[in-house]
Structure formats: C-alpha cells, structure tokens
Amino acid sequence: MIRLNAANIDSAKNEMVMISLDNPNWYVTGFNIFQEAYAHLSKRLHVHSPSDGWPFYVINGRVKPFTESQVIADQNATPTLF
C-alpha cells in the first residue's frame, strides 16, 4: 500500500498515474481508509476490486473504469445469506 498525498480524487488519479508509470504492467487501484487515500499495486486484478475501492484502476499510465462485466463478476462472487 502506498499512501497518496491527495486532497481530492483528481489529484489522487494523477498520483496513481505516476505510480503506474514507475511500475509498468502492474494494476494500481485506489481506496480510502479512515479518510486517507491509498493506492494498491497488484499484478492481477482481484474479482472484488470493483467494490473494494474507487470505480477505476490505472495500468501503464492509463486510467480505466471497471467494465460492466467486471462489476457483475464481483457481484456474483459475493455470497448471499439466503
């Protein structure tokens, strides 16, 4: 985890792009913990990535939203209590 020194989501995206450029072919996802922004680096996206943090990820310096099929896969992988 990398703490982001960002005041808003746009500056966090910019920091995540810089992290991504320094780490090619790695996925960078962002999320909040106790009102602080963090970035997470991973070689592959986890199925629960769309619901774990912000609705986008960065790879090779490009910001990409999670696709509808990724969101559906996340919802289907979450067990229900029925």
C-alpha atoms as a PDB file:
ATOM      1  CA  MET A   1       0.000   0.000   0.000  1.00  0.00           C
ATOM      2  CA  ILE A   2       1.166   3.462  -0.856  1.00  0.00           C
ATOM      3  CA  ARG A   3      -0.281   6.485   0.920  1.00  0.00           C
ATOM      4  CA  LEU A   4      -1.392   9.175  -1.501  1.00  0.00           C
ATOM      5  CA  ASN A   5      -0.893  12.824  -0.603  1.00  0.00           C
ATOM      6  CA  ALA A   6      -4.035  13.917  -2.378  1.00  0.00           C
ATOM      7  CA  ALA A   7      -6.673  16.442  -1.395  1.00  0.00           C
ATOM      8  CA  ASN A   8      -9.238  15.215  -3.923  1.00  0.00           C
ATOM      9  CA  ILE A   9      -9.916  12.362  -6.346  1.00  0.00           C
ATOM     10  CA  ASP A  10      -8.337  14.145  -9.334  1.00  0.00           C
ATOM     11  CA  SER A  11      -5.006  14.646  -7.598  1.00  0.00           C
ATOM     12  CA  ALA A  12      -5.173  11.033  -6.384  1.00  0.00           C
ATOM     13  CA  LYS A  13      -5.663   9.896 -10.002  1.00  0.00           C
ATOM     14  CA  ASN A  14      -2.607  11.908 -11.030  1.00  0.00           C
ATOM     15  CA  GLU A  15      -0.514  10.297  -8.288  1.00  0.00           C
ATOM     16  CA  MET A  16      -1.780   6.857  -9.284  1.00  0.00           C
ATOM     17  CA  VAL A  17      -0.785   7.535 -12.904  1.00  0.00           C
ATOM     18  CA  MET A  18       2.743   8.437 -11.758  1.00  0.00           C
ATOM     19  CA  ILE A  19       2.928   5.260  -9.648  1.00  0.00           C
ATOM     20  CA  SER A  20       1.716   3.257 -12.632  1.00  0.00           C
ATOM     21  CA  LEU A  21       4.351   4.745 -14.924  1.00  0.00           C
ATOM     22  CA  ASP A  22       7.034   3.787 -12.385  1.00  0.00           C
ATOM     23  CA  ASN A  23       5.626   0.218 -12.229  1.00  0.00           C
ATOM     24  CA  PRO A  24       4.702  -0.866 -15.776  1.00  0.00           C
ATOM     25  CA  ASN A  25       2.270  -3.779 -16.239  1.00  0.00           C
ATOM     26  CA  TRP A  26       1.051  -3.512 -12.627  1.00  0.00           C
ATOM     27  CA  TYR A  27      -2.525  -2.581 -11.727  1.00  0.00           C
ATOM     28  CA  VAL A  28      -2.946   0.378  -9.384  1.00  0.00           C
ATOM     29  CA  THR A  29      -6.240   0.579  -7.510  1.00  0.00           C
ATOM     30  CA  GLY A  30      -7.228   3.286  -5.049  1.00  0.00           C
ATOM     31  CA  PHE A  31      -9.290   3.304  -1.871  1.00  0.00           C
ATOM     32  CA  ASN A  32      -9.856   5.209   1.368  1.00  0.00           C
ATOM     33  CA  ILE A  33      -9.048   4.112   4.896  1.00  0.00           C
ATOM     34  CA  PHE A  34     -10.016   6.445   7.745  1.00  0.00           C
ATOM     35  CA  GLN A  35     -10.268   9.465   5.416  1.00  0.00           C
ATOM     36  CA  GLU A  36      -6.806   8.862   3.926  1.00  0.00           C
ATOM     37  CA  ALA A  37      -6.216   7.824   0.321  1.00  0.00           C
ATOM     38  CA  TYR A  38      -4.105   4.778  -0.527  1.00  0.00           C
ATOM     39  CA  ALA A  39      -3.004   3.015  -3.689  1.00  0.00           C
ATOM     40  CA  HIS A  40      -2.520  -0.737  -4.022  1.00  0.00           C
ATOM     41  CA  LEU A  41      -0.266  -2.395  -6.592  1.00  0.00           C
ATOM     42  CA  SER A  42      -1.047  -5.850  -7.908  1.00  0.00           C
ATOM     43  CA  LYS A  43      -0.008  -8.000 -10.853  1.00  0.00           C
ATOM     44  CA  ARG A  44      -3.631  -9.050 -11.490  1.00  0.00           C
ATOM     45  CA  LEU A  45      -6.995  -7.543 -10.601  1.00  0.00           C
ATOM     46  CA  HIS A  46      -8.915  -9.393  -7.907  1.00  0.00           C
ATOM     47  CA  VAL A  47     -12.545 -10.273  -8.646  1.00  0.00           C
ATOM     48  CA  HIS A  48     -13.650  -7.999  -5.774  1.00  0.00           C
ATOM     49  CA  SER A  49     -11.620  -4.990  -6.964  1.00  0.00           C
ATOM     50  CA  PRO A  50     -14.641  -3.061  -8.328  1.00  0.00           C
ATOM     51  CA  SER A  51     -16.362  -2.951  -4.929  1.00  0.00           C
ATOM     52  CA  ASP A  52     -13.216  -2.642  -2.796  1.00  0.00           C
ATOM     53  CA  GLY A  53     -12.355   0.909  -3.746  1.00  0.00           C
ATOM     54  CA  TRP A  54     -12.750   3.586  -6.362  1.00  0.00           C
ATOM     55  CA  PRO A  55     -14.559   2.797  -9.648  1.00  0.00           C
ATOM     56  CA  PHE A  56     -11.400   2.863 -11.765  1.00  0.00           C
ATOM     57  CA  TYR A  57      -7.891   1.437 -11.958  1.00  0.00           C
ATOM     58  CA  VAL A  58      -4.653   2.536 -13.620  1.00  0.00           C
ATOM     59  CA  ILE A  59      -2.323   0.405 -15.717  1.00  0.00           C
ATOM     60  CA  ASN A  60       0.655   1.652 -17.740  1.00  0.00           C
ATOM     61  CA  GLY A  61      -0.323   5.259 -17.006  1.00  0.00           C
ATOM     62  CA  ARG A  62      -3.881   4.897 -18.342  1.00  0.00           C
ATOM     63  CA  VAL A  63      -6.938   5.417 -16.161  1.00  0.00           C
ATOM     64  CA  LYS A  64      -9.612   2.832 -16.946  1.00  0.00           C
ATOM     65  CA  PRO A  65     -13.074   2.376 -15.428  1.00  0.00           C
ATOM     66  CA  PHE A  66     -14.194  -1.053 -14.325  1.00  0.00           C
ATOM     67  CA  THR A  67     -16.322  -2.622 -17.037  1.00  0.00           C
ATOM     68  CA  GLU A  68     -19.872  -3.785 -16.512  1.00  0.00           C
ATOM     69  CA  SER A  69     -18.761  -7.418 -16.792  1.00  0.00           C
ATOM     70  CA  GLN A  70     -16.136  -6.869 -14.068  1.00  0.00           C
ATOM     71  CA  VAL A  71     -18.777  -5.357 -11.780  1.00  0.00           C
ATOM     72  CA  ILE A  72     -21.181  -8.244 -12.470  1.00  0.00           C
ATOM     73  CA  ALA A  73     -18.420 -10.799 -11.778  1.00  0.00           C
ATOM     74  CA  ASP A  74     -17.754  -9.023  -8.474  1.00  0.00           C
ATOM     75  CA  GLN A  75     -21.446  -9.149  -7.530  1.00  0.00           C
ATOM     76  CA  ASN A  76     -21.727 -12.827  -8.490  1.00  0.00           C
ATOM     77  CA  ALA A  77     -18.636 -13.750  -6.473  1.00  0.00           C
ATOM     78  CA  THR A  78     -20.110 -12.267  -3.301  1.00  0.00           C
ATOM     79  CA  PRO A  79     -22.046 -14.879  -1.329  1.00  0.00           C
ATOM     80  CA  THR A  80     -25.576 -14.104  -0.198  1.00  0.00           C
ATOM     81  CA  LEU A  81     -27.186 -15.113   3.064  1.00  0.00           C
ATOM     82  CA  PHE A  82     -30.218 -16.807   1.514  1.00  0.00           C
END
